[in-house]
Amino acid sequence: MATDVLKQLDERIQASISRIQQLQRENEQLARQLAESEQRFQQASAELREHEAARAEVKERIESILARFDGLDLG
């Protein structure tokens, strides 16, 4: 009877070890995915800043051109 208890305890310990190892692997995979996602986010943020800067430049140039038209005496 004591051997049955020890056997069950050993099985539970082995199952726990296997589960811990599985969770460690999953954690490592999730950490890699998070790092990749953070890198993609940083790249997208940089691209967005570039587009916003270009948009602001285009807007400024258009406003400058329109201001020149406003200064013309067409009548």
Protein backbone atom coordinates (compact mmCIF):
# COMPACT_ATOMS: atom_id res chain seq x y z
CA MET A 1 0.00 0.00 0.00
CA ALA A 2 2.84 2.40 0.78
CA THR A 3 4.37 1.60 -2.60
CA ASP A 4 1.09 2.58 -4.28
CA VAL A 5 1.16 5.94 -2.51
CA LEU A 6 4.79 6.45 -3.50
CA LYS A 7 4.01 5.45 -7.06
CA GLN A 8 1.11 7.93 -7.22
CA LEU A 9 3.28 10.63 -5.68
CA ASP A 10 6.03 9.91 -8.22
CA GLU A 11 3.52 10.09 -11.09
CA ARG A 12 2.17 13.40 -9.83
CA ILE A 13 5.68 14.79 -9.48
CA GLN A 14 6.57 13.67 -13.01
CA ALA A 15 3.34 15.18 -14.37
CA SER A 16 4.09 18.41 -12.54
CA ILE A 17 7.63 18.51 -13.93
CA SER A 18 6.33 17.91 -17.45
CA ARG A 19 3.75 20.66 -17.06
CA ILE A 20 6.35 23.10 -15.71
CA GLN A 21 8.65 22.35 -18.65
CA GLN A 22 5.77 22.83 -21.08
CA LEU A 23 4.87 26.16 -19.46
CA GLN A 24 8.51 27.27 -19.62
CA ARG A 25 8.61 26.51 -23.35
CA GLU A 26 5.34 28.38 -23.89
CA ASN A 27 6.66 31.31 -21.88
CA GLU A 28 9.82 31.46 -24.01
CA GLN A 29 7.73 31.35 -27.18
CA LEU A 30 5.43 34.11 -25.91
CA ALA A 31 8.45 36.22 -24.93
CA ARG A 32 9.83 35.87 -28.48
CA GLN A 33 6.46 36.77 -29.98
CA LEU A 34 6.22 39.80 -27.70
CA ALA A 35 9.70 40.97 -28.69
CA GLU A 36 8.82 40.57 -32.38
CA SER A 37 5.54 42.46 -31.88
CA GLU A 38 7.33 45.27 -30.06
CA GLN A 39 9.86 45.51 -32.90
CA ARG A 40 7.07 45.67 -35.52
CA PHE A 41 5.32 48.32 -33.42
CA GLN A 42 8.48 50.41 -33.25
CA GLN A 43 8.93 50.13 -37.02
CA ALA A 44 5.30 51.08 -37.65
CA SER A 45 5.60 54.02 -35.26
CA ALA A 46 8.71 55.26 -37.07
CA GLU A 47 6.95 54.96 -40.42
CA LEU A 48 3.94 56.83 -39.06
CA ARG A 49 6.17 59.66 -37.82
CA GLU A 50 7.80 59.85 -41.26
CA HIS A 51 4.40 60.01 -42.98
CA GLU A 52 3.16 62.64 -40.56
CA ALA A 53 6.26 64.75 -41.19
CA ALA A 54 5.83 64.41 -44.96
CA ARG A 55 2.15 65.30 -44.65
CA ALA A 56 2.99 68.40 -42.62
CA GLU A 57 5.56 69.43 -45.23
CA VAL A 58 3.08 68.99 -48.08
CA LYS A 59 0.44 70.94 -46.16
CA GLU A 60 2.91 73.77 -45.53
CA ARG A 61 3.90 73.89 -49.20
CA ILE A 62 0.27 73.96 -50.35
CA GLU A 63 -0.52 76.75 -47.89
CA SER A 64 2.47 78.69 -49.23
CA ILE A 65 1.28 78.27 -52.82
CA LEU A 66 -2.27 79.30 -51.88
CA ALA A 67 -0.91 82.36 -50.08
CA ARG A 68 0.85 83.39 -53.27
CA PHE A 69 -2.41 83.08 -55.21
CA ASP A 70 -4.16 85.20 -52.60
CA GLY A 71 -1.54 87.89 -53.17
CA LEU A 72 -2.25 88.10 -56.89
CA ASP A 73 -4.47 90.85 -58.17
CA LEU A 74 -6.57 89.12 -60.79
CA GLY A 75 -9.23 91.74 -61.17
